[in-house]
Structure formats: structure tokens, C-alpha cells
């Protein structure tokens, strides 16, 4: 399958994931069934998908439960993103700075 990023949407029961980016390896993101909790909870699926895409572009976990990339070993879990208002949880200023260094305004894909 061609491409640097492969996204698999599944009706399977597994923990959504992203493989680590590397200089030659493709990145794969797997998103589990959105019809069962926690992804079926309001506002959760959009943030799980954004979180996994964050890993795909190079972000790791942090321990701030108010931020998108919060995750293990911190006690952050997807159901914490539940909200009656649709919104994306933000990334930290450190993560923004990291991404701007990694993907500057002049960045071009390798292909």
C-alpha cells in the first residue's frame, strides 16, 4: 500500500494506536470502533483520532489531563475528553514549538 501514513478505521475492539514515526518506516494509525465506549461518548472520537495523529507526526505523551497528548503513564484516559461541546483539546506550547521545528513553514513532503 503506497503512502507514508496509513490510517485504518475498524469495527474491532482494541486500543486505538499509532506506530512510531521513523526515517524510513511508514506510520500506521489504527482507530477502534466508534460505536462503543469510550469512543461513542460525545467529543471523544475526534480527540482520540487527533491524539493518534499527534503520535504519527512525532508527538509523545504528556501528563496534563487538560491537553490532547496526555497519556500513559499518566492517569489520562479517553473518557476524560467527553464533553457536550464539540472541541479539540489543545497541545502544549512545548509541543507547538517542537512541531514548528520539525515541520517549519518551508517544510515539503519527501515525495
N, C-alpha and C. Protein backbone atom coordinates (compact mmCIF):
# COMPACT_ATOMS: atom_id res chain seq x y z
N UNK A 1 0.85 -1.16 0.00
CA UNK A 1 0.00 0.00 0.00
C UNK A 1 0.91 1.24 0.00
N UNK A 2 0.76 2.14 -0.96
CA UNK A 2 1.61 3.33 -1.00
C UNK A 2 1.22 4.34 0.07
N UNK A 3 2.17 5.18 0.42
CA UNK A 3 1.91 6.25 1.38
C UNK A 3 2.81 6.19 2.59
N UNK A 4 3.00 7.32 3.21
CA UNK A 4 3.82 7.40 4.42
C UNK A 4 2.98 7.23 5.67
N UNK A 5 1.68 7.47 5.56
CA UNK A 5 0.76 7.36 6.69
C UNK A 5 -0.44 6.54 6.26
N UNK A 6 -0.66 5.46 6.97
CA UNK A 6 -1.80 4.59 6.69
C UNK A 6 -2.74 4.67 7.89
N UNK A 7 -4.00 4.98 7.63
CA UNK A 7 -5.00 5.09 8.70
C UNK A 7 -6.02 3.98 8.50
N UNK A 8 -6.16 3.14 9.52
CA UNK A 8 -7.11 2.03 9.47
C UNK A 8 -8.25 2.31 10.44
N UNK A 9 -9.46 2.42 9.90
CA UNK A 9 -10.66 2.58 10.72
C UNK A 9 -11.30 1.20 10.84
N UNK A 10 -11.59 0.76 12.04
CA UNK A 10 -12.02 -0.61 12.24
C UNK A 10 -13.26 -0.68 13.11
N UNK A 11 -14.00 -1.77 12.95
CA UNK A 11 -15.10 -2.03 13.88
C UNK A 11 -14.63 -3.01 14.96
N UNK A 12 -13.32 -3.21 15.03
CA UNK A 12 -12.74 -4.11 16.01
C UNK A 12 -12.68 -3.51 17.40
N UNK A 13 -12.46 -4.38 18.38
CA UNK A 13 -12.37 -3.97 19.78
C UNK A 13 -10.91 -4.04 20.21
N UNK A 14 -10.21 -2.93 20.12
CA UNK A 14 -8.80 -2.84 20.51
C UNK A 14 -8.53 -1.42 20.96
N UNK A 15 -7.37 -1.18 21.52
CA UNK A 15 -6.98 0.16 21.93
C UNK A 15 -6.44 0.88 20.70
N UNK A 16 -7.01 2.04 20.36
CA UNK A 16 -6.52 2.81 19.21
C UNK A 16 -5.03 3.06 19.40
N UNK A 17 -4.29 3.12 18.28
CA UNK A 17 -2.84 3.19 18.38
C UNK A 17 -2.24 3.93 17.19
N UNK A 18 -0.97 4.26 17.33
CA UNK A 18 -0.16 4.80 16.25
C UNK A 18 1.22 4.20 16.40
N UNK A 19 1.81 3.77 15.27
CA UNK A 19 3.18 3.30 15.32
C UNK A 19 4.10 4.51 15.34
N UNK A 20 5.30 4.32 15.83
CA UNK A 20 6.25 5.43 15.94
C UNK A 20 6.77 5.85 14.57
N UNK A 21 6.86 7.16 14.33
CA UNK A 21 7.44 7.61 13.06
C UNK A 21 8.93 7.33 13.03
N UNK A 22 9.43 7.07 11.84
CA UNK A 22 10.86 6.83 11.66
C UNK A 22 11.31 7.34 10.31
N UNK A 23 12.62 7.39 10.07
CA UNK A 23 13.13 7.97 8.82
C UNK A 23 12.73 7.18 7.57
N UNK A 24 12.55 5.87 7.69
CA UNK A 24 12.20 5.08 6.51
C UNK A 24 10.90 4.32 6.66
N UNK A 25 10.42 4.16 7.88
CA UNK A 25 9.22 3.35 8.11
C UNK A 25 7.95 4.17 7.92
N UNK A 26 6.95 3.51 7.43
CA UNK A 26 5.63 4.12 7.36
C UNK A 26 5.02 4.18 8.75
N UNK A 27 4.10 5.08 8.91
CA UNK A 27 3.38 5.20 10.18
C UNK A 27 1.98 4.65 9.95
N UNK A 28 1.50 3.86 10.89
CA UNK A 28 0.14 3.35 10.81
C UNK A 28 -0.63 3.80 12.03
N UNK A 29 -1.84 4.28 11.79
CA UNK A 29 -2.75 4.67 12.87
C UNK A 29 -3.95 3.73 12.79
N UNK A 30 -4.30 3.12 13.90
CA UNK A 30 -5.47 2.25 13.97
C UNK A 30 -6.49 2.85 14.92
N UNK A 31 -7.70 3.04 14.43
CA UNK A 31 -8.77 3.62 15.24
C UNK A 31 -9.86 2.57 15.43
N UNK A 32 -10.19 2.31 16.67
CA UNK A 32 -11.17 1.27 17.00
C UNK A 32 -12.60 1.71 16.72
N UNK A 33 -13.50 0.81 16.92
CA UNK A 33 -14.94 1.00 16.75
C UNK A 33 -15.43 2.23 17.53
N UNK A 34 -16.14 3.10 16.84
CA UNK A 34 -16.65 4.32 17.49
C UNK A 34 -18.07 4.17 18.02
N UNK A 35 -18.61 2.97 17.96
CA UNK A 35 -19.98 2.75 18.43
C UNK A 35 -20.05 2.28 19.87
N UNK A 36 -18.89 2.01 20.47
CA UNK A 36 -18.87 1.57 21.87
C UNK A 36 -17.97 2.50 22.68
N UNK A 37 -18.22 2.60 23.99
CA UNK A 37 -17.41 3.49 24.82
C UNK A 37 -15.93 3.06 24.81
N UNK A 38 -15.03 3.98 24.95
CA UNK A 38 -15.26 5.39 25.19
C UNK A 38 -15.47 6.21 23.92
N UNK A 39 -15.19 5.65 22.73
CA UNK A 39 -15.28 6.47 21.52
C UNK A 39 -16.70 6.90 21.19
N UNK A 40 -17.70 6.22 21.71
CA UNK A 40 -19.09 6.60 21.45
C UNK A 40 -19.54 7.78 22.32
N UNK A 41 -18.74 8.14 23.32
CA UNK A 41 -19.09 9.27 24.18
C UNK A 41 -18.90 10.58 23.40
N UNK A 42 -19.73 11.59 23.68
CA UNK A 42 -19.64 12.85 22.94
C UNK A 42 -18.24 13.47 23.05
N UNK A 43 -17.69 13.86 21.92
CA UNK A 43 -16.43 14.59 21.80
C UNK A 43 -15.19 13.70 21.94
N UNK A 44 -15.35 12.42 22.24
CA UNK A 44 -14.18 11.57 22.48
C UNK A 44 -13.51 11.12 21.19
N UNK A 45 -14.27 10.62 20.22
CA UNK A 45 -13.67 10.07 18.99
C UNK A 45 -12.77 11.09 18.30
N UNK A 46 -13.24 12.33 18.15
CA UNK A 46 -12.44 13.36 17.47
C UNK A 46 -11.10 13.56 18.17
N UNK A 47 -11.08 13.50 19.50
CA UNK A 47 -9.84 13.71 20.24
C UNK A 47 -8.95 12.48 20.24
N UNK A 48 -9.52 11.28 20.24
CA UNK A 48 -8.71 10.07 20.11
C UNK A 48 -8.01 10.07 18.75
N UNK A 49 -8.75 10.40 17.70
CA UNK A 49 -8.15 10.43 16.36
C UNK A 49 -7.06 11.50 16.29
N UNK A 50 -7.32 12.69 16.81
CA UNK A 50 -6.31 13.75 16.81
C UNK A 50 -5.10 13.34 17.65
N UNK A 51 -5.32 12.68 18.78
CA UNK A 51 -4.24 12.21 19.65
C UNK A 51 -3.34 11.23 18.89
N UNK A 52 -3.95 10.26 18.22
CA UNK A 52 -3.16 9.26 17.49
C UNK A 52 -2.44 9.90 16.30
N UNK A 53 -3.07 10.85 15.63
CA UNK A 53 -2.38 11.57 14.55
C UNK A 53 -1.22 12.39 15.12
N UNK A 54 -1.38 12.90 16.34
CA UNK A 54 -0.28 13.59 17.01
C UNK A 54 0.94 12.69 17.15
N UNK A 55 0.71 11.43 17.55
CA UNK A 55 1.81 10.47 17.61
C UNK A 55 2.42 10.26 16.22
N UNK A 56 1.56 10.17 15.22
CA UNK A 56 2.03 9.90 13.85
C UNK A 56 2.96 10.99 13.34
N UNK A 57 2.78 12.22 13.82
CA UNK A 57 3.65 13.31 13.35
C UNK A 57 4.77 13.62 14.34
N UNK A 58 4.91 12.80 15.37
CA UNK A 58 6.07 12.92 16.23
C UNK A 58 5.86 13.32 17.67
N UNK A 59 4.63 13.52 18.11
CA UNK A 59 4.39 13.92 19.50
C UNK A 59 4.31 12.70 20.41
N UNK A 60 4.79 12.86 21.63
CA UNK A 60 4.67 11.82 22.64
C UNK A 60 3.60 12.19 23.64
N UNK A 61 3.55 11.43 24.72
CA UNK A 61 2.58 11.71 25.78
C UNK A 61 3.10 12.78 26.73
N UNK A 62 2.17 13.49 27.34
CA UNK A 62 2.47 14.36 28.47
C UNK A 62 1.56 13.94 29.62
N UNK A 63 1.66 14.60 30.75
CA UNK A 63 0.83 14.19 31.90
C UNK A 63 -0.19 15.24 32.31
N UNK A 64 -0.56 16.12 31.37
CA UNK A 64 -1.54 17.17 31.66
C UNK A 64 -2.92 16.74 31.17
N UNK A 65 -3.86 16.43 32.06
CA UNK A 65 -5.16 15.92 31.65
C UNK A 65 -6.01 16.93 30.88
N UNK A 66 -5.58 18.18 30.79
CA UNK A 66 -6.32 19.17 30.01
C UNK A 66 -5.79 19.30 28.58
N UNK A 67 -4.81 18.47 28.22
CA UNK A 67 -4.16 18.57 26.91
C UNK A 67 -4.41 17.32 26.07
N UNK A 68 -4.33 17.48 24.77
CA UNK A 68 -4.61 16.42 23.81
C UNK A 68 -3.69 15.22 23.95
N UNK A 69 -2.41 15.44 24.21
CA UNK A 69 -1.46 14.35 24.18
C UNK A 69 -1.22 13.71 25.55
N UNK A 70 -2.10 13.97 26.50
CA UNK A 70 -1.99 13.31 27.80
C UNK A 70 -2.17 11.81 27.61
N UNK A 71 -1.34 11.03 28.27
CA UNK A 71 -1.46 9.59 28.14
C UNK A 71 -0.52 8.87 29.09
N UNK A 72 -0.49 7.58 28.96
CA UNK A 72 0.29 6.74 29.86
C UNK A 72 1.75 7.15 29.88
N UNK A 73 2.37 7.12 31.04
CA UNK A 73 1.91 6.51 32.28
C UNK A 73 1.00 7.41 33.13
N UNK A 74 0.71 8.62 32.69
CA UNK A 74 -0.22 9.48 33.43
C UNK A 74 -1.61 8.84 33.45
N UNK A 75 -2.43 9.17 34.43
CA UNK A 75 -3.75 8.54 34.53
C UNK A 75 -4.80 9.15 33.59
N UNK A 76 -4.39 9.61 32.43
CA UNK A 76 -5.33 10.21 31.46
C UNK A 76 -5.93 9.10 30.61
N UNK A 77 -7.21 9.16 30.40
CA UNK A 77 -7.90 8.17 29.57
C UNK A 77 -8.87 8.89 28.65
N UNK A 78 -9.22 8.28 27.51
CA UNK A 78 -10.07 8.95 26.53
C UNK A 78 -11.41 9.46 27.06
N UNK A 79 -12.00 8.78 28.04
CA UNK A 79 -13.30 9.24 28.52
C UNK A 79 -13.22 10.63 29.16
N UNK A 80 -12.00 11.09 29.51
CA UNK A 80 -11.84 12.44 30.07
C UNK A 80 -12.11 13.52 29.03
N UNK A 81 -12.09 13.15 27.75
CA UNK A 81 -12.37 14.11 26.67
C UNK A 81 -13.87 14.29 26.43
N UNK A 82 -14.69 13.55 27.17
CA UNK A 82 -16.14 13.66 26.99
C UNK A 82 -16.59 15.08 27.27
N UNK A 83 -17.44 15.59 26.38
CA UNK A 83 -17.95 16.96 26.52
C UNK A 83 -19.21 17.11 25.69
N UNK A 84 -20.13 17.91 26.17
CA UNK A 84 -21.34 18.19 25.39
C UNK A 84 -21.05 19.21 24.30
N UNK A 85 -19.89 19.87 24.40
CA UNK A 85 -19.47 20.85 23.40
C UNK A 85 -18.36 20.23 22.56
N UNK A 86 -18.54 20.22 21.23
CA UNK A 86 -17.51 19.67 20.36
C UNK A 86 -16.29 20.58 20.38
N UNK A 87 -15.16 20.01 20.73
CA UNK A 87 -13.92 20.79 20.73
C UNK A 87 -12.73 19.83 20.74
N UNK A 88 -11.62 20.33 20.24
CA UNK A 88 -10.38 19.59 20.32
C UNK A 88 -9.62 20.07 21.55
N UNK A 89 -9.07 19.14 22.30
CA UNK A 89 -8.21 19.53 23.40
C UNK A 89 -6.92 20.08 22.80
N UNK A 90 -6.32 21.09 23.42
CA UNK A 90 -5.14 21.73 22.84
C UNK A 90 -3.86 20.93 23.10
N UNK A 91 -2.82 21.28 22.34
CA UNK A 91 -1.49 20.76 22.64
C UNK A 91 -0.76 21.82 23.46
N UNK A 92 0.33 21.43 24.08
CA UNK A 92 1.09 22.36 24.93
C UNK A 92 1.93 23.30 24.07
N UNK A 93 2.40 24.38 24.67
CA UNK A 93 3.30 25.30 23.96
C UNK A 93 4.59 24.60 23.57
N UNK A 94 5.09 23.72 24.43
CA UNK A 94 6.30 22.96 24.11
C UNK A 94 6.06 22.09 22.88
N UNK A 95 4.90 21.45 22.81
CA UNK A 95 4.57 20.62 21.64
C UNK A 95 4.45 21.46 20.38
N UNK A 96 3.85 22.65 20.49
CA UNK A 96 3.76 23.55 19.34
C UNK A 96 5.14 23.93 18.84
N UNK A 97 6.03 24.29 19.76
CA UNK A 97 7.40 24.67 19.39
C UNK A 97 8.11 23.50 18.72
N UNK A 98 7.95 22.31 19.28
CA UNK A 98 8.56 21.11 18.70
C UNK A 98 8.07 20.88 17.28
N UNK A 99 6.76 20.97 17.06
CA UNK A 99 6.21 20.75 15.72
C UNK A 99 6.67 21.81 14.73
N UNK A 100 6.79 23.05 15.18
CA UNK A 100 7.27 24.11 14.28
C UNK A 100 8.73 23.91 13.90
N UNK A 101 9.52 23.31 14.79
CA UNK A 101 10.91 22.98 14.44
C UNK A 101 10.94 21.79 13.48
N UNK A 102 10.10 20.82 13.74
CA UNK A 102 10.06 19.61 12.92
C UNK A 102 9.47 19.89 11.54
N UNK A 103 8.42 20.68 11.50
CA UNK A 103 7.71 21.00 10.25
C UNK A 103 7.64 22.51 10.10
N UNK A 104 8.74 23.11 9.69
CA UNK A 104 8.80 24.56 9.53
C UNK A 104 7.87 25.00 8.40
N UNK A 105 7.59 26.29 8.29
CA UNK A 105 6.71 26.78 7.21
C UNK A 105 7.20 26.42 5.81
N UNK A 106 8.49 26.14 5.67
CA UNK A 106 9.04 25.78 4.35
C UNK A 106 9.15 24.27 4.15
N UNK A 107 8.67 23.48 5.12
CA UNK A 107 8.75 22.02 5.03
C UNK A 107 8.00 21.51 3.81
N UNK A 108 8.57 20.53 3.14
CA UNK A 108 7.94 19.87 2.00
C UNK A 108 7.98 18.36 2.22
N UNK A 109 6.94 17.64 1.82
CA UNK A 109 6.99 16.18 1.95
C UNK A 109 8.11 15.61 1.10
N UNK A 110 8.59 14.43 1.48
CA UNK A 110 9.71 13.81 0.76
C UNK A 110 9.31 13.27 -0.61
N UNK A 111 8.04 13.12 -0.87
CA UNK A 111 7.60 12.57 -2.16
C UNK A 111 6.81 13.58 -2.92
